[in-house]
Protein backbone atom coordinates (compact mmCIF):
# COMPACT_ATOMS: atom_id res chain seq x y z
CA MET A 1 98.17 83.13 54.22
CA THR A 2 100.70 85.14 56.22
CA GLN A 3 102.30 83.22 59.09
CA THR A 4 102.85 85.22 62.27
CA THR A 5 106.01 84.45 64.21
CA GLN A 6 105.78 84.94 67.96
CA TYR A 7 108.85 86.68 69.36
CA GLN A 8 110.45 85.12 72.42
CA GLN A 9 113.01 86.97 74.48
CA LEU A 10 116.45 85.48 74.94
CA GLN A 11 116.73 83.32 78.03
CA PRO A 12 119.78 83.01 80.34
CA GLU A 13 120.70 79.67 78.76
CA ASP A 14 120.61 81.33 75.31
CA ARG A 15 123.10 83.93 76.51
CA MET A 16 125.37 81.22 77.91
CA THR A 17 125.34 79.52 74.50
CA MET A 18 126.17 82.80 72.77
CA ALA A 19 129.08 83.51 75.10
CA SER A 20 130.48 80.02 74.48
CA MET A 21 130.13 80.33 70.70
CA LEU A 22 131.79 83.75 70.76
CA GLN A 23 134.80 82.25 72.52
CA GLN A 24 134.98 79.73 69.69
CA GLY A 25 135.03 82.55 67.14
CA LEU A 26 131.66 81.71 65.57
CA SER A 27 129.62 84.36 63.75
CA ALA A 28 126.29 85.92 64.69
CA ARG A 29 124.61 83.96 61.89
CA ALA A 30 125.95 80.71 63.30
CA MET A 31 124.56 81.64 66.71
CA ALA A 32 121.22 82.52 65.15
CA ARG A 33 121.02 79.11 63.47
CA ALA A 34 121.97 77.30 66.68
CA LEU A 35 119.37 79.18 68.73
CA SER A 36 116.69 79.29 66.00
CA ARG A 37 116.67 83.08 66.14
CA SER A 38 117.06 85.78 63.55
CA PRO A 39 120.57 87.21 63.03
CA SER A 40 119.22 90.68 63.94
CA THR A 41 118.20 89.39 67.37
CA ILE A 42 121.75 88.15 67.99
CA THR A 43 123.48 91.31 66.76
CA ARG A 44 121.11 93.50 68.78
CA GLU A 45 121.80 91.45 71.91
CA LEU A 46 125.57 91.73 71.41
CA ALA A 47 125.38 95.48 70.77
CA ARG A 48 123.18 96.26 73.77
CA ASN A 49 124.71 93.98 76.39
CA THR A 50 128.44 94.03 75.66
CA LEU A 51 130.38 96.39 77.91
CA ALA A 52 132.92 98.64 76.27
CA ASP A 53 136.07 97.11 77.77
CA LEU A 54 134.88 93.55 78.39
CA PRO A 55 133.94 90.64 76.16
CA TYR A 56 130.31 89.56 76.01
CA GLY A 57 129.39 87.56 79.13
CA SER A 58 126.10 85.79 79.83
CA GLN A 59 125.83 86.92 83.46
CA LEU A 60 126.62 90.57 82.74
CA ALA A 61 124.18 90.53 79.81
CA GLN A 62 121.44 89.09 82.02
CA VAL A 63 122.04 91.73 84.70
CA ALA A 64 121.93 94.51 82.09
CA THR A 65 118.66 93.18 80.66
CA VAL A 66 117.01 92.93 84.07
CA GLY A 67 118.22 96.42 84.97
CA ARG A 68 116.63 97.94 81.88
CA ARG A 69 113.33 96.20 82.54
CA VAL A 70 113.24 97.38 86.14
CA ALA A 71 114.12 100.94 85.10
CA THR A 72 111.33 101.10 82.52
CA ARG A 73 108.67 99.44 84.72
CA PRO A 74 106.28 102.04 86.15
CA VAL A 75 106.38 102.44 89.90
CA GLY A 76 103.23 101.24 91.61
CA LYS A 77 100.94 103.70 93.34
CA LEU A 78 101.72 102.09 96.68
CA ASP A 79 105.43 101.60 96.18
CA PHE A 80 106.79 101.11 99.68
CA ALA A 81 109.48 103.75 99.09
CA GLY A 82 107.01 106.33 97.75
CA VAL A 83 105.06 109.17 99.35
CA GLY A 84 101.69 107.52 98.67
CA TRP A 85 102.47 104.56 100.89
CA GLY A 86 103.57 106.92 103.68
CA VAL A 87 100.19 108.66 103.55
CA VAL A 88 98.30 105.36 103.58
CA ARG A 89 100.47 104.03 106.41
CA SER A 90 99.69 107.11 108.54
CA MET A 91 95.95 106.66 108.00
CA LEU A 92 96.23 103.00 108.93
CA ASP A 93 97.93 104.06 112.17
CA TRP A 94 94.85 106.22 112.83
CA LYS A 95 92.76 103.01 112.57
CA TRP A 96 91.10 104.14 109.37
CA SER A 97 89.76 101.31 107.23
CA PRO A 98 91.10 100.81 103.68
CA GLN A 99 87.65 101.83 102.39
CA GLN A 100 87.84 105.12 104.30
CA ILE A 101 91.39 105.75 103.09
CA ALA A 102 90.46 105.14 99.45
CA ALA A 103 87.46 107.49 99.69
CA THR A 104 89.48 110.18 101.49
CA LEU A 105 92.24 110.18 98.86
CA LYS A 106 89.67 110.72 96.12
CA ARG A 107 88.07 113.55 98.10
CA VAL A 108 91.34 115.29 99.04
CA PHE A 109 92.94 114.92 95.58
CA PRO A 110 89.95 115.09 93.16
CA ASP A 111 92.07 116.23 90.21
CA GLU A 112 95.03 113.90 90.80
CA PRO A 113 93.94 110.36 89.88
CA GLU A 114 97.53 109.15 90.21
CA ARG A 115 97.09 109.56 93.98
CA HIS A 116 93.93 107.45 94.08
CA VAL A 117 94.09 103.82 95.19
CA SER A 118 91.30 101.34 95.74
CA HIS A 119 90.72 99.64 99.08
CA GLU A 120 91.63 96.34 97.39
CA THR A 121 95.03 97.77 96.46
CA ILE A 122 95.60 98.76 100.09
CA TYR A 123 94.64 95.31 101.35
CA THR A 124 96.92 93.70 98.77
CA ALA A 125 99.85 95.92 99.82
CA ILE A 126 99.38 94.89 103.44
CA TYR A 127 98.98 91.16 102.94
CA ALA A 128 101.69 91.01 100.26
CA GLN A 129 104.25 91.89 102.92
CA PRO A 130 106.53 88.99 103.87
CA ARG A 131 105.77 87.41 107.20
CA GLY A 132 107.51 89.37 109.92
CA GLU A 133 107.22 92.21 112.38
CA LEU A 134 106.28 94.84 109.78
CA ARG A 135 103.41 92.72 108.47
CA LYS A 136 102.16 92.12 112.02
CA GLN A 137 102.18 95.88 112.64
CA LEU A 138 100.28 96.60 109.43
CA VAL A 139 97.69 93.89 110.07
CA ALA A 140 97.26 95.17 113.62
CA CYS A 141 96.39 98.58 112.16
CA LEU A 142 93.30 97.06 110.56
CA ARG A 143 90.20 97.23 112.71
CA HIS A 144 89.66 93.47 112.78
CA GLY A 145 93.38 92.68 112.96
CA ARG A 146 93.05 89.40 111.06
CA SER A 147 96.22 87.77 109.73
CA THR A 148 94.33 86.72 106.58
CA ARG A 149 91.51 88.38 104.71
CA MET A 150 87.93 87.17 105.09
CA PRO A 151 86.13 86.14 101.89
CA ARG A 152 83.82 88.60 100.20
CA THR A 153 81.00 86.03 100.37
CA ARG A 154 80.44 83.87 103.42
CA GLY A 155 79.36 80.25 103.49
CA GLU A 156 82.01 78.97 101.07
CA ASP A 157 84.04 75.86 101.77
CA ARG A 158 87.46 77.16 102.84
CA ARG A 159 89.06 73.79 103.65
CA GLY A 160 92.54 73.16 102.31
CA GLN A 161 93.68 76.80 102.27
CA ILE A 162 97.18 77.59 103.48
CA PRO A 163 97.39 79.98 106.48
CA ASP A 164 99.06 83.34 105.67
CA MET A 165 99.23 82.35 102.00
CA VAL A 166 100.21 85.15 99.60
CA SER A 167 98.27 85.06 96.34
CA ILE A 168 100.16 84.27 93.14
CA HIS A 169 98.65 87.45 91.72
CA VAL A 170 100.78 89.68 93.99
CA ARG A 171 104.13 88.03 93.37
CA PRO A 172 106.88 90.35 92.05
CA PRO A 173 106.91 91.08 88.28
CA GLU A 174 110.42 89.69 87.85
CA VAL A 175 109.05 86.25 88.80
CA ASP A 176 106.55 86.37 85.92
CA ASP A 177 109.24 87.61 83.51
CA ARG A 178 111.46 84.57 84.30
CA VAL A 179 114.53 86.84 84.06
CA MET A 180 115.91 86.47 87.58
CA PRO A 181 116.96 82.98 88.73
CA GLY A 182 116.16 81.72 92.19
CA HIS A 183 112.34 81.57 92.10
CA TRP A 184 110.84 78.10 92.48
CA GLU A 185 107.42 76.54 91.98
CA GLY A 186 106.40 73.43 93.91
CA ASP A 187 103.82 70.72 93.45
CA PHE A 188 102.90 67.41 95.06
CA ILE A 189 101.96 64.34 93.03
CA LYS A 190 100.19 61.34 94.54
CA GLY A 191 100.19 57.86 93.04
CA ALA A 192 97.33 55.39 92.71
CA GLY A 193 95.47 54.89 95.96
CA ASN A 194 97.71 57.48 97.64
CA LYS A 195 100.28 54.71 98.14
CA SER A 196 103.16 56.78 96.76
CA SER A 197 103.97 60.47 96.41
CA VAL A 198 106.57 62.68 94.75
CA GLY A 199 107.51 66.29 95.49
CA VAL A 200 108.26 68.41 92.40
CA LEU A 201 110.25 71.67 92.36
CA VAL A 202 110.79 73.75 89.19
CA GLU A 203 113.19 76.71 88.95
CA ARG A 204 111.32 79.22 86.75
CA THR A 205 114.30 80.71 84.89
CA SER A 206 116.36 77.65 84.00
CA ARG A 207 113.37 75.20 84.14
CA LEU A 208 115.51 72.92 86.30
CA VAL A 209 113.30 70.17 87.75
CA LEU A 210 113.97 68.43 91.06
CA LEU A 211 112.01 65.33 92.09
CA ALA A 212 111.92 64.02 95.66
CA LYS A 213 110.37 60.71 96.70
CA MET A 214 108.26 61.26 99.80
CA ASP A 215 107.97 58.74 102.62
CA ASP A 216 104.18 58.83 102.50
CA ALA A 217 101.25 60.83 101.12
CA THR A 218 100.10 62.44 104.37
CA ALA A 219 99.66 66.19 104.77
CA ALA A 220 102.70 66.38 107.04
């Protein structure tokens, strides 16, 4: 039976280890053994992310990797710097609904599917905006002017939802890739009988975990 090995991309801490081992004069094979990687992975990393006049550095290598990923990632149809978003924004100013905008784009550009966007994509672009004046303006352009979207089906229990919450599905791609430090996930753990509670924060790139004992287990 052939065993399939799942490839995992080098993490920032791997690059820090490589930079340290290079300073000690260790070989690529030694780095590969220490990181449980193939020697080809190490040599490819050194070749791609070492600047011509500078020694290999973990931070510069990480920046170079992130830059390549961003450059190769396709631009979304409603990229805020693109023409498509400008067209949609103008129609929103005319108080057109996202459904009307989506239908109009298909009718005006029947042979250019790259210009078509669904009404869900338009809603997502609006509500994915960070809280601020621009988001207020965009929400105000909608006919109902709600700060949060109404559910597709009524009658569901909506208790416990966070006001103005942005769905995890619309977070930036670099957060999912775990390549850019500074993005945190939080959770709240309650003890038996809600007599104790602990706040948990995890930094997605380094996996650094911070625990904070809470005074009580109330919502506040």
